[in-house]
Amino acid sequence: MIRRAVSGFDTVIGCSEWVRKELAKEDIPSDVLPVTIAAPPADFRRVPDATPTLLYCGRLDEEKGVDLLVRAFAQVQGEFPEARLRLAGQGPCRAGLEQLARQLGVNAEFLGWRDPPDLEPEYARAWALAAPSRWAEPLGLVAVEAIARGLPAIVPDRGGLAEVVTAGESGWHFASGDEFALADCLRQAFRRPQFVPESLSAEARERFGIEAHVVQLRETFHGLISRHARVRAGA
């Protein structure tokens, strides 16, 4: 049904190279146009907390893998007793996740829903962001938003999230669904590797900024207009 629907389209546009490859498996050609993110406020400054602080932003649903994150955090809590996990988001799994954190002795604070402006202080104070999704995200905007603010991201090694994060340069990859591999990434984050925030943010802002998006979108439309004009002229 999807193939029949898109057969009449001039162009199919996906948000990542991973989406393009997945569509190609179904014989659906497509182009890639990453979605944009809002730039950080002009007065945004990274001021990490004195103790290891990990941030999660997103829905508290099973597919987002937050339970994996809580279990991985519990594995490293003994090595980093002052470490804190801050979770911004709401969802049907919240009560179960709070219970799991208590059972495992995880120093976790559930912040509830936060509007985008209210997340800026969280990005500023965290040492790293974790996006442990169980499923292959088409892109993973939360990781892009973090990196654009100089905050490294911990993501699974599949889907658009893996594409967004360059391991060793803007964060870490872990084997998808593997809480032990995720715990290893937490250890690396809590040892404070020397990622340069300015380098992270500059690359992400250029790649996912509105300017580059508009240029590519205009080129796509101009190409379609020219193609149709040639077809009409030939007819």
Protein backbone atom coordinates (compact mmCIF):
# COMPACT_ATOMS: atom_id res chain seq x y z
CA MET A 1 0.00 0.00 0.00
CA ILE A 2 2.79 2.39 0.86
CA ARG A 3 4.63 1.55 -2.36
CA ARG A 4 1.49 2.24 -4.42
CA ALA A 5 0.92 5.50 -2.57
CA VAL A 6 4.41 6.87 -3.15
CA SER A 7 4.60 5.68 -6.76
CA GLY A 8 2.80 8.83 -7.82
CA PHE A 9 5.17 11.16 -5.96
CA ASP A 10 7.89 13.07 -7.78
CA THR A 11 10.24 12.84 -4.80
CA VAL A 12 10.31 11.06 -1.44
CA ILE A 13 12.35 12.77 1.27
CA GLY A 14 13.57 11.09 4.44
CA CYS A 15 15.16 12.57 7.53
CA SER A 16 18.31 10.43 7.62
CA GLU A 17 20.56 8.15 5.60
CA TRP A 18 19.23 5.24 7.65
CA VAL A 19 15.67 6.00 6.50
CA ARG A 20 16.88 6.24 2.90
CA LYS A 21 18.46 2.78 3.13
CA GLU A 22 15.36 1.29 4.76
CA LEU A 23 13.15 2.68 1.99
CA ALA A 24 15.58 1.41 -0.64
CA LYS A 25 15.10 -2.13 0.74
CA GLU A 26 11.47 -1.77 -0.32
CA ASP A 27 12.42 -0.34 -3.74
CA ILE A 28 11.39 3.18 -2.75
CA PRO A 29 14.05 5.70 -3.84
CA SER A 30 14.39 8.77 -1.65
CA ASP A 31 16.55 11.75 -0.83
CA VAL A 32 17.78 12.84 2.60
CA LEU A 33 16.85 16.16 4.15
CA PRO A 34 17.62 16.31 7.89
CA VAL A 35 15.04 18.14 9.94
CA THR A 36 16.13 21.28 11.71
CA ILE A 37 16.62 22.12 15.36
CA ALA A 38 16.23 25.40 17.16
CA ALA A 39 19.53 27.05 17.97
CA PRO A 40 20.40 27.37 21.66
CA PRO A 41 19.52 30.71 23.28
CA ALA A 42 22.12 33.41 22.79
CA ASP A 43 22.94 33.34 26.51
CA PHE A 44 23.28 29.54 26.74
CA ARG A 45 26.43 28.41 28.54
CA ARG A 46 27.53 24.91 29.53
CA VAL A 47 28.15 24.83 33.29
CA PRO A 48 28.30 21.12 34.20
CA ASP A 49 27.44 20.12 37.75
CA ALA A 50 30.31 19.32 40.09
CA THR A 51 29.19 15.69 40.27
CA PRO A 52 28.36 13.32 37.37
CA THR A 53 24.91 14.16 36.01
CA LEU A 54 23.19 12.21 33.24
CA LEU A 55 20.18 13.59 31.40
CA TYR A 56 17.35 11.77 29.63
CA CYS A 57 14.74 13.72 27.65
CA GLY A 58 11.80 11.95 26.07
CA ARG A 59 8.70 9.87 26.55
CA LEU A 60 8.65 7.33 29.36
CA ASP A 61 7.49 4.51 27.09
CA GLU A 62 8.79 0.95 26.75
CA GLU A 63 10.28 1.49 23.29
CA LYS A 64 12.44 4.33 24.58
CA GLY A 65 14.51 1.92 26.70
CA VAL A 66 14.49 4.00 29.89
CA ASP A 67 14.41 0.83 32.00
CA LEU A 68 17.68 -0.20 30.32
CA LEU A 69 19.11 3.14 31.33
CA VAL A 70 18.02 2.77 34.97
CA ARG A 71 19.53 -0.73 35.15
CA ALA A 72 22.76 0.43 33.52
CA PHE A 73 22.95 3.34 35.94
CA ALA A 74 22.54 0.95 38.85
CA GLN A 75 25.61 -0.97 37.62
CA VAL A 76 27.85 2.11 37.91
CA GLN A 77 26.30 3.70 40.99
CA GLY A 78 28.82 1.99 43.28
CA GLU A 79 31.76 3.38 41.27
CA PHE A 80 30.23 6.85 41.10
CA PRO A 81 28.10 7.19 44.26
CA GLU A 82 27.49 10.91 43.70
CA ALA A 83 26.21 10.42 40.14
CA ARG A 84 22.64 11.50 39.42
CA LEU A 85 20.15 10.58 36.75
CA ARG A 86 17.68 13.28 35.73
CA LEU A 87 14.75 12.25 33.55
CA ALA A 88 12.66 14.88 31.78
CA GLY A 89 9.49 13.50 30.25
CA GLN A 90 6.18 11.87 30.89
CA GLY A 91 4.57 8.61 29.84
CA PRO A 92 2.73 5.45 30.89
CA CYS A 93 5.89 3.77 32.26
CA ARG A 94 6.72 6.49 34.77
CA ALA A 95 5.36 4.75 37.87
CA GLY A 96 7.11 1.48 37.01
CA LEU A 97 10.37 3.27 36.30
CA GLU A 98 10.21 5.13 39.60
CA GLN A 99 9.67 1.84 41.40
CA LEU A 100 12.56 0.22 39.50
CA ALA A 101 14.88 3.11 40.42
CA ARG A 102 13.96 2.75 44.11
CA GLN A 103 14.47 -1.01 44.06
CA LEU A 104 17.93 -0.66 42.47
CA GLY A 105 18.97 2.28 44.64
CA VAL A 106 19.44 4.60 41.67
CA ASN A 107 19.78 8.28 42.45
CA ALA A 108 17.13 9.32 39.92
CA GLU A 109 14.95 12.40 39.76
CA PHE A 110 11.85 12.31 37.57
CA LEU A 111 11.26 15.86 36.39
CA GLY A 112 8.03 15.34 34.50
CA TRP A 113 7.19 17.20 31.32
CA ARG A 114 9.45 20.14 30.48
CA ASP A 115 8.81 22.75 27.83
CA PRO A 116 11.82 23.40 25.55
CA PRO A 117 12.93 26.60 27.35
CA ASP A 118 12.90 24.70 30.65
CA LEU A 119 15.28 22.08 29.23
CA GLU A 120 18.08 24.58 28.62
CA PRO A 121 19.30 24.52 32.26
CA GLU A 122 19.24 20.71 32.12
CA TYR A 123 21.42 20.66 29.00
CA ALA A 124 23.75 23.17 30.67
CA ARG A 125 24.28 21.17 33.88
CA ALA A 126 24.51 17.60 32.51
CA TRP A 127 27.71 15.73 31.74
CA ALA A 128 26.08 13.68 29.00
CA LEU A 129 22.69 12.86 27.51
CA ALA A 130 21.44 9.30 27.08
CA ALA A 131 18.94 8.24 24.40
CA PRO A 132 18.70 4.44 24.87
CA SER A 133 15.84 3.67 22.47
CA ARG A 134 15.09 -0.01 21.88
CA TRP A 135 13.86 0.62 18.36
CA ALA A 136 15.74 2.23 15.49
CA GLU A 137 14.85 5.91 15.65
CA PRO A 138 14.46 7.55 12.21
CA LEU A 139 16.74 10.37 13.37
CA GLY A 140 16.85 11.23 17.07
CA LEU A 141 16.43 14.97 17.47
CA VAL A 142 17.10 14.95 21.20
CA ALA A 143 20.70 13.85 20.54
CA VAL A 144 21.12 16.57 17.92
CA GLU A 145 19.79 19.20 20.32
CA ALA A 146 22.19 18.04 23.02
CA ILE A 147 25.24 18.01 20.73
CA ALA A 148 24.31 21.44 19.38
CA ARG A 149 24.71 22.64 22.97
CA GLY A 150 28.09 20.97 23.40
CA LEU A 151 26.67 18.01 25.35
CA PRO A 152 27.87 14.55 24.24
CA ALA A 153 25.24 11.87 23.69
CA ILE A 154 25.07 8.14 24.43
CA VAL A 155 23.02 6.31 21.79
CA PRO A 156 22.41 2.80 20.42
CA ASP A 157 24.40 1.65 17.41
CA ARG A 158 21.48 1.46 14.99
CA GLY A 159 19.02 3.80 13.33
CA GLY A 160 19.26 7.53 12.95
CA LEU A 161 20.65 8.04 16.44
CA ALA A 162 23.85 6.20 15.52
CA GLU A 163 24.09 8.39 12.44
CA VAL A 164 23.78 11.58 14.47
CA VAL A 165 26.50 10.71 17.00
CA THR A 166 30.09 10.12 15.89
CA ALA A 167 31.56 7.70 18.41
CA GLY A 168 34.56 9.16 20.17
CA GLU A 169 33.90 12.64 18.81
CA SER A 170 30.39 13.66 19.87
CA GLY A 171 29.48 10.80 22.18
CA TRP A 172 29.34 7.02 22.43
CA HIS A 173 27.55 4.10 20.76
CA PHE A 174 26.43 0.98 22.62
CA ALA A 175 25.00 -2.28 21.33
CA SER A 176 21.27 -1.70 21.06
CA GLY A 177 19.36 -3.20 23.97
CA ASP A 178 22.53 -4.16 25.88
CA GLU A 179 22.41 -2.64 29.36
CA PHE A 180 25.97 -3.77 30.12
CA ALA A 181 27.35 -1.99 27.05
CA LEU A 182 25.29 1.04 28.03
CA ALA A 183 26.83 0.93 31.53
CA ASP A 184 30.30 0.99 29.96
CA CYS A 185 29.35 4.18 28.12
CA LEU A 186 28.14 5.71 31.38
CA ARG A 187 31.51 4.96 32.94
CA GLN A 188 33.27 6.75 30.12
CA ALA A 189 30.96 9.73 30.41
CA PHE A 190 31.45 9.98 34.17
CA ARG A 191 35.23 9.98 33.75
CA ARG A 192 34.79 13.25 31.84
CA PRO A 193 36.57 12.70 28.51
CA GLN A 194 37.80 15.84 26.87
CA PHE A 195 35.12 16.53 24.29
CA VAL A 196 35.36 20.15 23.19
CA PRO A 197 31.84 21.64 23.51
CA GLU A 198 32.46 24.32 20.91
CA SER A 199 33.48 21.77 18.28
CA LEU A 200 30.43 19.62 18.97
CA SER A 201 27.98 22.48 18.79
CA ALA A 202 29.47 24.10 15.67
CA GLU A 203 29.20 20.94 13.57
CA ALA A 204 25.66 20.11 14.72
CA ARG A 205 24.39 23.64 14.18
CA GLU A 206 25.79 23.71 10.66
CA ARG A 207 24.49 20.26 9.73
CA PHE A 208 21.02 20.67 11.21
CA GLY A 209 20.61 24.42 11.00
CA ILE A 210 17.74 26.11 9.22
CA GLU A 211 20.02 27.71 6.62
CA ALA A 212 21.33 24.42 5.19
CA HIS A 213 17.83 22.94 5.35
CA VAL A 214 16.31 25.79 3.34
CA VAL A 215 19.07 25.69 0.71
CA GLN A 216 18.60 21.97 0.11
CA LEU A 217 14.81 22.23 0.12
CA ARG A 218 14.89 25.02 -2.48
CA GLU A 219 17.24 22.98 -4.66
CA THR A 220 14.81 20.07 -4.47
CA PHE A 221 11.82 22.17 -5.50
CA HIS A 222 13.72 23.99 -8.25
CA GLY A 223 14.81 20.62 -9.62
CA LEU A 224 11.22 19.37 -9.65
CA ILE A 225 9.97 22.54 -11.33
CA SER A 226 12.67 22.31 -14.01
CA ARG A 227 11.90 18.64 -14.61
CA HIS A 228 8.19 19.32 -15.11
CA ALA A 229 8.95 22.28 -17.37
CA ARG A 230 11.10 20.06 -19.60
CA VAL A 231 8.36 17.42 -19.70
CA ARG A 232 5.74 20.00 -20.73
CA ALA A 233 8.05 21.48 -23.34
CA GLY A 234 8.69 18.05 -24.81
CA ALA A 235 4.98 17.30 -24.90
